[in-house]
Amino acid sequence: MSGSSILRYPIVHGYRLGEEIGGGGFSKVFRAFNDISGKVAACKVVNLFISPSIGYGTPNVKELQKEVQVHKSLSKHEYILEFIHSEVVVKEKEDDGWVPGLYMVLELAIGGDLFDKIAPDVGIPDDLANFYFAQMASGIEFIHQRGIAHRDLKPENLLLAANGNLKISDFGLCAVFKHKGKTRLLSGRCGSLPYVAPELGGPSGTGYRAEPVDIWGMGVVLYTMLFGNTPWDEPSDNSPEFRAYLTGELLQYEPWTRIRGSAMAMLLALLTVDPARRITMQQIKAHPWCMTSSQLTRAQMGDALTAGMRSTGMMTIADPTFASQASQAYAANRSQRIASGSQWASQLNPQESQFLRATGNITQGGDFNNITTRFWLSISCPDAVELLTSYLEADLGSNSVSAERRSNGADVKVQKAAGAKSVAGTFQIRGDDSLMEAKTMVVMRRGKGSILHWKAFWWSVVRDKRLLPYVVKGD
């Protein structure tokens, strides 16, 4: 390689890559800026050229090509994440100092993950679940009309726009089931176990109809919105909850007993085990529960979405606010300073700003951060790094924790068991001046695993007696 050995990310479709905001496996996701238009987007970079000798496997290029083509064809819908551009930087460009790979420029879901704002085991109000279910149904109907099945509906793939609207994302497991008027059965077994339809567990080689699979997934997502958890670990005899659902016994227990009337009828119609009898998209649109539109106003949406987090006290830690005159003045001055130098704040209309503030995406100090699994500490950053590292090693074991020191803090990577599965992510520990009452900010960025399990992990961390004396809590 000529010149510096440090690889750089190129300008892609006019977008300059900035902060890394996500990723996992073979990919990284960055916030991207168009310095000419002022627009902000997301850029997903997939490493196509990873060596098989490393032991992590290699990306399926054919499947990635399909994902790109499908997403391009679907992105002109209000409730589907927009696909802006894609290009490949070939391996040979590495010699010129560029990071090779597949670059996908996507709409930035400024509101973050829908389920990041939902309290585990609490859920959201029925009328807000109705609102988001209607948007999800509209997006999935659009996808099905183009002969495509999503096949991976789950909380991690439901994002939010700045105004709170839903954005369906991630078409990596999609399949074409209808082409030129001909419909075919699907056969691939895929998806996350709590959300997959039971017919996917049939004998090997058995095909299944595409549309009912997504409708079942919509049902599990609706349940999860209402109650903040999944109804079972998987829809098979391996799950005691699913076996009890088959007999009807499960419906006699919490949280099922909390839902009645047309909402319960809707849920049971979606979660009908026999796909031939499962409700169709046309029947969904005509169902009494869907015909009764949400009574929430746009101004109420942010508070309704985070109502569970507020009632449990989560928001006093994830988005602490303070009523003292000194704190208010400090936050106002800082917020004004941050906004004046922001590349995205000027693009927000009042409705969007209101939603983002109500959901904690814009903090009292004016910072933009759409991850609510975060907290502030009253101790210095070096002390916070030592405290958190020792705490996590004691709790998870030293083999599950690795710390990378930085000039401004540390990134502590962790892996934690969550039932039969696990969650993994990074504690990003940084010195911070956004709150007068704090010296350090910690963002728990999920890498893989369930959003709900990661959020429950965060909640256990911030309430642990070893950390609690230093965790900043709002009024």
Protein backbone atom coordinates (compact mmCIF):
# COMPACT_ATOMS: atom_id res chain seq x y z
CA MET A 1 0.00 0.00 0.00
CA SER A 2 1.29 3.41 -0.90
CA GLY A 3 1.54 6.18 1.71
CA SER A 4 -0.16 5.73 5.07
CA SER A 5 -1.13 2.25 6.25
CA ILE A 6 -4.37 3.60 7.75
CA LEU A 7 -7.33 2.87 5.50
CA ARG A 8 -9.93 5.59 4.91
CA TYR A 9 -13.61 5.52 4.02
CA PRO A 10 -14.38 7.19 0.67
CA ILE A 11 -17.03 9.77 -0.12
CA VAL A 12 -20.05 7.70 -1.20
CA HIS A 13 -22.70 9.33 -3.38
CA GLY A 14 -21.64 12.68 -1.92
CA TYR A 15 -21.81 11.43 1.68
CA ARG A 16 -18.88 11.62 4.09
CA LEU A 17 -18.86 8.88 6.73
CA GLY A 18 -18.85 10.07 10.34
CA GLU A 19 -19.54 8.38 13.69
CA GLU A 20 -20.03 4.63 13.81
CA ILE A 21 -23.58 4.06 15.06
CA GLY A 22 -24.11 0.32 14.73
CA GLY A 23 -23.21 -2.90 13.02
CA GLY A 24 -22.35 -6.49 13.71
CA GLY A 25 -21.01 -9.54 11.92
CA PHE A 26 -19.46 -8.42 8.64
CA SER A 27 -20.86 -4.87 8.67
CA LYS A 28 -20.56 -1.46 10.28
CA VAL A 29 -23.09 1.37 10.12
CA PHE A 30 -22.04 5.02 10.13
CA ARG A 31 -23.83 8.34 10.30
CA ALA A 32 -23.07 10.03 6.96
CA PHE A 33 -23.17 13.69 5.94
CA ASN A 34 -23.58 15.38 2.59
CA ASP A 35 -21.64 18.60 3.09
CA ILE A 36 -23.14 20.20 -0.02
CA SER A 37 -26.84 19.49 0.56
CA GLY A 38 -26.60 19.33 4.36
CA LYS A 39 -28.51 16.02 4.35
CA VAL A 40 -27.80 13.27 6.87
CA ALA A 41 -28.02 9.56 6.07
CA ALA A 42 -26.78 6.18 7.28
CA CYS A 43 -24.11 4.21 5.45
CA LYS A 44 -23.79 0.46 5.93
CA VAL A 45 -20.39 -0.93 4.99
CA VAL A 46 -20.17 -4.71 4.47
CA ASN A 47 -16.76 -6.37 4.40
CA LEU A 48 -17.01 -8.59 1.31
CA PHE A 49 -13.40 -9.65 1.39
CA ILE A 50 -12.90 -11.15 4.84
CA SER A 51 -10.57 -14.12 4.79
CA PRO A 52 -12.20 -17.53 5.50
CA SER A 53 -9.04 -18.47 7.45
CA ILE A 54 -10.09 -16.13 10.28
CA GLY A 55 -12.87 -18.55 11.15
CA TYR A 56 -15.85 -16.18 10.99
CA GLY A 57 -17.18 -17.41 7.66
CA THR A 58 -17.66 -15.12 4.68
CA PRO A 59 -20.55 -12.91 3.52
CA ASN A 60 -22.98 -14.41 1.00
CA VAL A 61 -22.43 -12.02 -1.92
CA LYS A 62 -25.38 -13.42 -3.88
CA GLU A 63 -27.73 -12.79 -0.94
CA LEU A 64 -26.35 -9.29 -0.48
CA GLN A 65 -26.95 -8.53 -4.15
CA LYS A 66 -30.53 -9.73 -3.74
CA GLU A 67 -30.99 -7.58 -0.64
CA VAL A 68 -29.77 -4.50 -2.52
CA GLN A 69 -32.03 -5.10 -5.52
CA VAL A 70 -35.10 -5.84 -3.40
CA HIS A 71 -34.62 -2.89 -1.05
CA LYS A 72 -34.12 -0.53 -4.00
CA SER A 73 -37.45 -1.65 -5.46
CA LEU A 74 -39.31 -1.13 -2.16
CA SER A 75 -37.94 2.08 -0.75
CA LYS A 76 -40.52 4.51 -2.11
CA HIS A 77 -42.99 3.84 0.68
CA GLU A 78 -43.60 6.01 3.71
CA TYR A 79 -43.09 3.19 6.22
CA ILE A 80 -40.10 1.48 4.60
CA LEU A 81 -36.56 2.72 5.18
CA GLU A 82 -35.44 4.47 2.01
CA PHE A 83 -32.61 2.97 -0.01
CA ILE A 84 -30.53 5.82 -1.48
CA HIS A 85 -27.49 4.32 -3.20
CA SER A 86 -25.06 1.41 -3.28
CA GLU A 87 -21.61 0.79 -4.70
CA VAL A 88 -18.72 -1.63 -4.28
CA VAL A 89 -15.18 -0.50 -3.51
CA VAL A 90 -13.11 -3.35 -4.92
CA LYS A 91 -10.33 -5.09 -3.03
CA GLU A 92 -7.65 -3.50 -5.23
CA LYS A 93 -8.61 -0.03 -3.90
CA GLU A 94 -7.10 -1.07 -0.58
CA ASP A 95 -3.70 -0.36 -2.14
CA ASP A 96 -4.82 3.25 -2.61
CA GLY A 97 -5.78 3.54 1.07
CA TRP A 98 -9.54 2.93 0.83
CA VAL A 99 -11.63 0.48 2.88
CA PRO A 100 -13.01 -2.08 0.41
CA GLY A 101 -16.53 -3.47 0.64
CA LEU A 102 -20.17 -2.95 -0.23
CA TYR A 103 -21.41 0.53 0.70
CA MET A 104 -25.16 1.07 1.10
CA VAL A 105 -26.44 4.60 1.73
CA LEU A 106 -29.79 4.46 3.53
CA GLU A 107 -32.23 6.85 5.11
CA LEU A 108 -31.15 7.63 8.66
CA ALA A 109 -33.85 6.58 11.11
CA ILE A 110 -33.28 9.55 13.39
CA GLY A 111 -35.78 8.30 15.97
CA GLY A 112 -33.74 5.12 16.55
CA ASP A 113 -35.17 1.68 17.31
CA LEU A 114 -38.89 1.57 18.18
CA PHE A 115 -38.31 -0.98 20.94
CA ASP A 116 -35.44 1.00 22.42
CA LYS A 117 -38.15 3.30 23.79
CA ILE A 118 -40.35 0.50 25.22
CA ALA A 119 -39.95 -0.72 28.79
CA PRO A 120 -39.47 -4.52 29.03
CA ASP A 121 -42.49 -6.32 30.51
CA VAL A 122 -44.53 -3.09 30.34
CA GLY A 123 -45.16 -2.30 26.68
CA ILE A 124 -47.02 0.66 25.19
CA PRO A 125 -50.67 1.84 25.35
CA ASP A 126 -53.19 0.01 23.17
CA ASP A 127 -53.92 3.03 20.97
CA LEU A 128 -50.22 3.59 20.24
CA ALA A 129 -49.81 -0.12 19.42
CA ASN A 130 -52.78 0.33 17.06
CA PHE A 131 -51.02 3.29 15.41
CA TYR A 132 -47.76 1.43 14.81
CA PHE A 133 -49.48 -1.80 13.80
CA ALA A 134 -51.41 0.09 11.09
CA GLN A 135 -48.14 1.51 9.72
CA MET A 136 -46.46 -1.91 9.83
CA ALA A 137 -49.43 -3.48 8.02
CA SER A 138 -49.31 -0.76 5.33
CA GLY A 139 -45.61 -1.38 4.73
CA ILE A 140 -45.92 -5.18 4.67
CA GLU A 141 -48.91 -5.00 2.31
CA PHE A 142 -46.80 -2.88 -0.07
CA ILE A 143 -44.00 -5.46 0.12
CA HIS A 144 -46.38 -8.37 -0.54
CA GLN A 145 -47.98 -6.59 -3.50
CA ARG A 146 -44.56 -6.67 -5.13
CA GLY A 147 -44.27 -10.41 -4.62
CA ILE A 148 -41.78 -10.20 -1.77
CA ALA A 149 -41.86 -11.61 1.76
CA HIS A 150 -39.79 -9.93 4.49
CA ARG A 151 -39.40 -13.07 6.67
CA ASP A 152 -37.59 -11.30 9.51
CA LEU A 153 -40.13 -9.07 11.25
CA LYS A 154 -38.86 -8.38 14.76
CA PRO A 155 -38.22 -5.36 17.01
CA GLU A 156 -34.63 -4.93 15.80
CA ASN A 157 -35.92 -4.25 12.26
CA LEU A 158 -38.53 -1.62 13.19
CA LEU A 159 -37.05 1.87 13.29
CA LEU A 160 -38.43 5.38 13.76
CA ALA A 161 -38.31 8.53 11.65
CA ALA A 162 -37.80 11.92 13.29
CA ASN A 163 -41.59 12.46 13.46
CA GLY A 164 -42.17 9.06 15.09
CA ASN A 165 -43.38 7.19 12.01
CA LEU A 166 -42.38 3.55 11.63
CA LYS A 167 -39.65 2.46 9.21
CA ILE A 168 -39.38 -1.23 8.26
CA SER A 169 -35.75 -2.17 7.62
CA ASP A 170 -33.33 -5.03 6.86
CA PHE A 171 -34.26 -7.12 3.84
CA GLY A 172 -31.40 -9.58 4.24
CA LEU A 173 -33.74 -12.59 4.64
CA CYS A 174 -36.39 -11.53 2.13
CA ALA A 175 -37.61 -13.85 -0.62
CA VAL A 176 -39.47 -13.40 -3.89
CA PHE A 177 -42.59 -15.55 -3.85
CA LYS A 178 -44.44 -14.09 -6.85
CA HIS A 179 -42.98 -13.20 -10.25
CA LYS A 180 -44.83 -12.48 -13.49
CA GLY A 181 -48.08 -13.66 -11.97
CA LYS A 182 -46.72 -17.02 -10.76
CA THR A 183 -46.65 -17.77 -7.03
CA ARG A 184 -44.31 -20.28 -5.42
CA LEU A 185 -43.92 -21.82 -1.99
CA LEU A 186 -40.87 -20.87 0.04
CA SER A 187 -38.60 -23.40 1.68
CA GLY A 188 -35.78 -21.60 3.52
CA ARG A 189 -35.79 -21.80 7.32
CA CYS A 190 -34.83 -18.37 8.62
CA GLY A 191 -35.67 -15.61 11.10
CA SER A 192 -35.43 -15.16 14.87
CA LEU A 193 -37.06 -18.00 16.79
CA PRO A 194 -39.51 -16.00 18.97
CA TYR A 195 -40.96 -14.36 15.83
CA VAL A 196 -40.94 -17.15 13.22
CA ALA A 197 -44.18 -18.85 12.20
CA PRO A 198 -44.68 -22.45 13.41
CA GLU A 199 -44.92 -23.83 9.86
CA LEU A 200 -41.24 -23.04 9.37
CA GLY A 201 -40.51 -25.87 11.78
CA GLY A 202 -42.12 -28.44 9.46
CA PRO A 203 -40.29 -31.42 7.92
CA SER A 204 -37.25 -30.62 5.80
CA GLY A 205 -38.21 -29.94 2.20
CA THR A 206 -41.74 -28.87 3.10
CA GLY A 207 -42.71 -25.59 1.48
CA TYR A 208 -44.75 -22.83 3.08
CA ARG A 209 -46.81 -19.90 1.85
CA ALA A 210 -44.99 -16.58 2.13
CA GLU A 211 -47.61 -14.04 3.21
CA PRO A 212 -48.91 -15.92 6.29
CA VAL A 213 -45.34 -16.06 7.64
CA ASP A 214 -45.09 -12.26 7.75
CA ILE A 215 -48.60 -11.97 9.21
CA TRP A 216 -47.61 -14.29 12.07
CA GLY A 217 -44.53 -12.12 12.63
CA MET A 218 -46.80 -9.06 12.77
CA GLY A 219 -48.79 -10.84 15.49
CA VAL A 220 -45.74 -11.53 17.67
CA VAL A 221 -44.56 -7.93 17.17
CA LEU A 222 -48.01 -6.65 18.20
CA TYR A 223 -47.95 -8.81 21.36
CA THR A 224 -44.44 -7.51 22.12
CA MET A 225 -45.56 -3.90 21.68
CA LEU A 226 -48.49 -4.42 24.05
CA PHE A 227 -46.59 -6.30 26.78
CA GLY A 228 -42.89 -5.56 26.34
CA ASN A 229 -41.91 -9.19 25.89
CA THR A 230 -42.39 -12.09 23.50
CA PRO A 231 -45.11 -14.68 24.16
CA TRP A 232 -42.66 -17.62 23.83
CA ASP A 233 -39.05 -18.41 23.02
CA GLU A 234 -40.06 -20.34 19.92
CA PRO A 235 -43.35 -21.67 18.47
CA SER A 236 -42.64 -25.37 19.01
CA ASP A 237 -43.02 -28.16 21.54
CA ASN A 238 -39.71 -27.01 23.03
CA SER A 239 -41.55 -24.03 24.55
CA PRO A 240 -43.86 -24.63 27.55
CA GLU A 241 -45.58 -21.29 26.81
CA PHE A 242 -46.33 -22.26 23.23
CA ARG A 243 -47.65 -25.67 24.29
CA ALA A 244 -49.94 -23.89 26.75
CA TYR A 245 -51.04 -21.52 23.97
CA LEU A 246 -52.07 -24.48 21.81
CA THR A 247 -54.36 -25.77 24.56
CA GLY A 248 -55.71 -22.31 25.42
CA GLU A 249 -54.37 -22.52 28.96
CA LEU A 250 -51.93 -19.65 28.42
CA LEU A 251 -54.77 -17.20 27.79
CA GLN A 252 -55.88 -17.57 31.42
CA TYR A 253 -52.70 -15.98 32.74
CA GLU A 254 -51.03 -12.57 32.76
CA PRO A 255 -50.39 -10.72 30.56
CA TRP A 256 -52.96 -12.28 28.21
CA THR A 257 -55.77 -11.48 30.64
CA ARG A 258 -54.99 -7.77 30.33
CA ILE A 259 -56.18 -7.60 26.74
CA ARG A 260 -59.82 -7.97 25.74
CA GLY A 261 -62.33 -7.27 23.02
CA SER A 262 -61.32 -6.53 19.45
CA ALA A 263 -57.63 -6.20 20.35
CA MET A 264 -57.61 -9.77 21.68
CA ALA A 265 -59.53 -10.99 18.64
CA MET A 266 -56.98 -9.32 16.38
CA LEU A 267 -54.06 -10.89 18.23
CA LEU A 268 -55.55 -14.40 18.12
CA ALA A 269 -56.38 -14.05 14.43
CA LEU A 270 -52.77 -13.11 13.65
CA LEU A 271 -51.42 -15.92 15.83
CA THR A 272 -53.60 -18.65 14.35
CA VAL A 273 -51.34 -21.68 14.14
CA ASP A 274 -52.81 -23.09 10.92
CA PRO A 275 -51.58 -20.78 8.13
CA ALA A 276 -54.57 -21.68 5.97
CA ARG A 277 -56.88 -20.24 8.65
CA ARG A 278 -54.67 -17.31 9.65
CA ILE A 279 -56.10 -13.85 8.98
CA THR A 280 -55.17 -12.29 5.61
CA MET A 281 -54.02 -8.76 4.91
CA GLN A 282 -57.41 -7.82 3.46
CA GLN A 283 -59.15 -9.16 6.56
CA ILE A 284 -56.69 -7.26 8.78
CA LYS A 285 -57.65 -3.98 7.14
CA ALA A 286 -61.35 -4.73 7.67
CA HIS A 287 -60.96 -5.90 11.29
CA PRO A 288 -62.81 -3.78 13.90
CA TRP A 289 -59.61 -3.16 15.86
CA CYS A 290 -57.85 -1.78 12.78
CA MET A 291 -60.92 0.16 11.65
CA THR A 292 -60.79 2.09 14.95
CA SER A 293 -57.91 4.45 14.39
CA SER A 294 -55.70 5.68 17.22
CA GLN A 295 -56.98 8.75 19.09
CA LEU A 296 -53.48 9.93 19.95
CA THR A 297 -52.37 13.25 18.53
CA ARG A 298 -48.88 13.75 17.15
CA ALA A 299 -48.07 15.93 20.13
CA GLN A 300 -48.90 13.04 22.49
CA MET A 301 -46.94 10.30 20.71
CA GLY A 302 -43.53 10.79 22.30
CA ASP A 303 -44.87 10.74 25.84
CA ALA A 304 -47.11 7.75 25.05
CA LEU A 305 -44.19 5.78 23.60
CA THR A 306 -42.02 6.33 26.68
CA ALA A 307 -44.87 6.07 29.22
CA GLY A 308 -43.62 2.69 30.44
CA MET A 309 -40.10 4.03 30.87
CA ARG A 310 -41.45 6.98 32.82
CA SER A 311 -43.69 4.92 35.10
CA THR A 312 -40.81 2.58 36.01
CA GLY A 313 -38.34 5.42 36.59
CA MET A 314 -36.18 4.46 33.61
CA MET A 315 -36.39 7.90 32.00
CA THR A 316 -35.01 9.64 35.10
CA ILE A 317 -31.77 7.78 34.36
CA ALA A 318 -31.83 7.55 30.54
CA ASP A 319 -32.85 11.21 30.14
CA PRO A 320 -32.34 13.01 33.46
CA THR A 321 -33.74 16.52 33.72
CA PHE A 322 -33.37 18.95 36.60
CA ALA A 323 -35.60 21.76 37.78
CA SER A 324 -33.03 23.92 39.60
CA GLN A 325 -32.45 27.35 38.10
CA ALA A 326 -28.70 26.73 37.77
CA SER A 327 -29.21 23.42 35.98
CA GLN A 328 -31.84 24.87 33.65
CA ALA A 329 -29.56 27.79 32.74
CA TYR A 330 -26.60 25.46 32.15
CA ALA A 331 -28.69 23.16 29.91
CA ALA A 332 -30.20 26.07 27.95
CA ASN A 333 -26.81 27.64 27.24
CA ARG A 334 -25.30 24.35 26.20
CA SER A 335 -28.32 23.35 24.10
CA GLN A 336 -28.11 26.63 22.18
CA ARG A 337 -24.38 26.14 21.60
CA ILE A 338 -24.85 22.56 20.37
CA ALA A 339 -27.73 23.50 18.04
CA SER A 340 -25.74 26.29 16.39
CA GLY A 341 -23.03 23.84 15.33
CA SER A 342 -25.31 20.93 14.42
CA GLN A 343 -25.51 19.55 10.88
CA TRP A 344 -28.97 18.08 11.39
CA ALA A 345 -30.85 20.22 13.93
CA SER A 346 -31.78 22.86 11.35
CA GLN A 347 -33.52 20.17 9.25
CA LEU A 348 -36.01 19.32 12.00
CA ASN A 349 -39.48 20.86 12.03
CA PRO A 350 -41.22 21.67 15.36
CA GLN A 351 -43.19 18.40 15.34
CA GLU A 352 -40.01 16.36 14.87
CA SER A 353 -38.14 18.30 17.56
CA GLN A 354 -41.01 17.74 19.99
CA PHE A 355 -41.07 13.97 19.36
CA LEU A 356 -37.31 13.64 19.66
CA ARG A 357 -37.22 15.58 22.93
CA ALA A 358 -40.13 13.62 24.42
CA THR A 359 -38.42 10.32 23.63
CA GLY A 360 -35.01 11.41 24.92
CA ASN A 361 -33.38 11.47 21.48
CA ILE A 362 -32.53 15.12 22.13
CA THR A 363 -31.36 15.51 25.72
CA GLN A 364 -31.89 18.46 28.05
CA GLY A 365 -28.35 19.57 27.19
CA GLY A 366 -29.14 19.59 23.46
CA ASP A 367 -27.22 16.47 22.42
CA PHE A 368 -28.63 14.04 19.86
CA ASN A 369 -28.47 10.43 21.02
CA ASN A 370 -31.19 7.98 19.99
CA ILE A 371 -30.06 5.14 22.27
CA THR A 372 -31.82 5.17 25.64
CA THR A 373 -29.67 2.40 27.13
CA ARG A 374 -27.39 5.08 28.55
CA PHE A 375 -26.60 6.72 31.87
CA TRP A 376 -24.45 9.39 33.44
CA LEU A 377 -22.06 9.05 36.37
CA SER A 378 -21.01 11.71 38.86
CA ILE A 379 -17.39 10.50 38.92
CA SER A 380 -14.52 11.29 36.54
CA CYS A 381 -14.09 9.30 33.35
CA PRO A 382 -10.94 7.43 34.48
CA ASP A 383 -12.69 6.44 37.72
CA ALA A 384 -15.78 5.40 35.76
CA VAL A 385 -13.69 3.18 33.48
CA GLU A 386 -12.13 1.43 36.48
CA LEU A 387 -15.47 1.06 38.28
CA LEU A 388 -17.40 -0.30 35.32
CA THR A 389 -14.66 -2.64 34.13
CA SER A 390 -14.25 -4.24 37.55
CA TYR A 391 -18.03 -4.44 38.01
CA LEU A 392 -18.59 -6.12 34.63
CA GLU A 393 -15.72 -8.56 35.10
CA ALA A 394 -17.09 -9.54 38.51
CA ASP A 395 -20.61 -9.93 37.14
CA LEU A 396 -20.00 -11.53 33.74
CA GLY A 397 -16.55 -13.07 34.13
CA SER A 398 -13.30 -11.74 32.75
CA ASN A 399 -13.61 -13.88 29.61
CA SER A 400 -16.82 -12.03 28.69
CA VAL A 401 -15.35 -8.54 29.07
CA SER A 402 -12.65 -6.77 27.09
CA ALA A 403 -11.72 -3.10 27.56
CA GLU A 404 -10.07 -0.88 24.97
CA ARG A 405 -8.70 2.31 26.49
CA ARG A 406 -9.00 5.55 24.53
CA SER A 407 -7.74 9.07 25.08
CA ASN A 408 -11.28 10.20 25.96
CA GLY A 409 -12.43 7.11 27.86
CA ALA A 410 -12.85 3.46 26.96
CA ASP A 411 -14.92 0.98 24.97
CA VAL A 412 -15.76 -2.07 27.07
CA LYS A 413 -17.11 -4.98 25.02
CA VAL A 414 -19.30 -7.50 26.82
CA GLN A 415 -21.24 -10.67 26.20
CA LYS A 416 -24.03 -11.74 28.53
CA ALA A 417 -26.21 -14.83 28.62
CA ALA A 418 -29.91 -14.14 28.05
CA GLY A 419 -31.80 -17.38 28.53
CA ALA A 420 -30.67 -19.87 25.90
CA LYS A 421 -29.29 -17.00 23.82
CA SER A 422 -26.92 -14.16 24.57
CA VAL A 423 -26.61 -10.43 24.01
CA ALA A 424 -23.42 -8.57 23.22
CA GLY A 425 -22.49 -4.94 22.93
CA THR A 426 -20.20 -2.14 24.00
CA PHE A 427 -20.16 0.19 27.00
CA GLN A 428 -18.89 3.46 25.49
CA ILE A 429 -17.49 5.45 28.44
CA ARG A 430 -16.67 9.08 27.75
CA GLY A 431 -15.96 12.25 29.67
CA ASP A 432 -19.03 14.46 29.26
CA ASP A 433 -20.19 17.98 30.05
CA SER A 434 -23.81 17.70 28.89
CA LEU A 435 -25.14 17.73 32.48
CA MET A 436 -24.00 20.06 35.23
CA GLU A 437 -24.51 17.18 37.66
CA ALA A 438 -22.36 14.59 35.80
CA LYS A 439 -18.79 14.07 34.64
CA THR A 440 -19.08 10.88 32.59
CA MET A 441 -21.60 9.47 30.11
CA VAL A 442 -21.99 5.76 29.37
CA VAL A 443 -23.81 4.56 26.26
CA MET A 444 -24.59 0.85 26.16
CA ARG A 445 -24.60 0.15 22.42
CA ARG A 446 -26.12 -3.23 21.52
CA GLY A 447 -24.14 -5.31 19.04
CA LYS A 448 -26.22 -8.47 18.73
CA GLY A 449 -29.14 -10.13 20.41
CA SER A 450 -32.60 -9.02 21.49
CA ILE A 451 -33.26 -5.32 22.12
CA LEU A 452 -35.57 -6.33 24.97
CA HIS A 453 -32.87 -8.44 26.65
CA TRP A 454 -30.28 -5.70 26.18
CA LYS A 455 -32.63 -3.13 27.71
CA ALA A 456 -33.29 -5.42 30.69
CA PHE A 457 -29.50 -5.78 31.09
CA TRP A 458 -29.13 -1.96 31.13
CA TRP A 459 -31.86 -1.66 33.76
CA SER A 460 -30.10 -4.18 36.01
CA VAL A 461 -26.78 -2.36 35.59
CA VAL A 462 -28.02 1.12 36.55
CA ARG A 463 -29.80 -0.21 39.65
CA ASP A 464 -26.92 -2.33 40.92
CA LYS A 465 -25.87 -1.30 44.43
CA ARG A 466 -22.21 -1.10 43.38
CA LEU A 467 -22.99 1.59 40.78
CA LEU A 468 -26.12 3.23 42.19
CA PRO A 469 -24.30 5.80 44.39
CA TYR A 470 -22.70 7.29 41.26
CA VAL A 471 -25.57 7.02 38.76
CA VAL A 472 -27.07 10.44 38.06
CA LYS A 473 -30.85 10.47 38.45
CA GLY A 474 -33.09 13.34 37.36
CA ASP A 475 -35.76 15.08 39.41
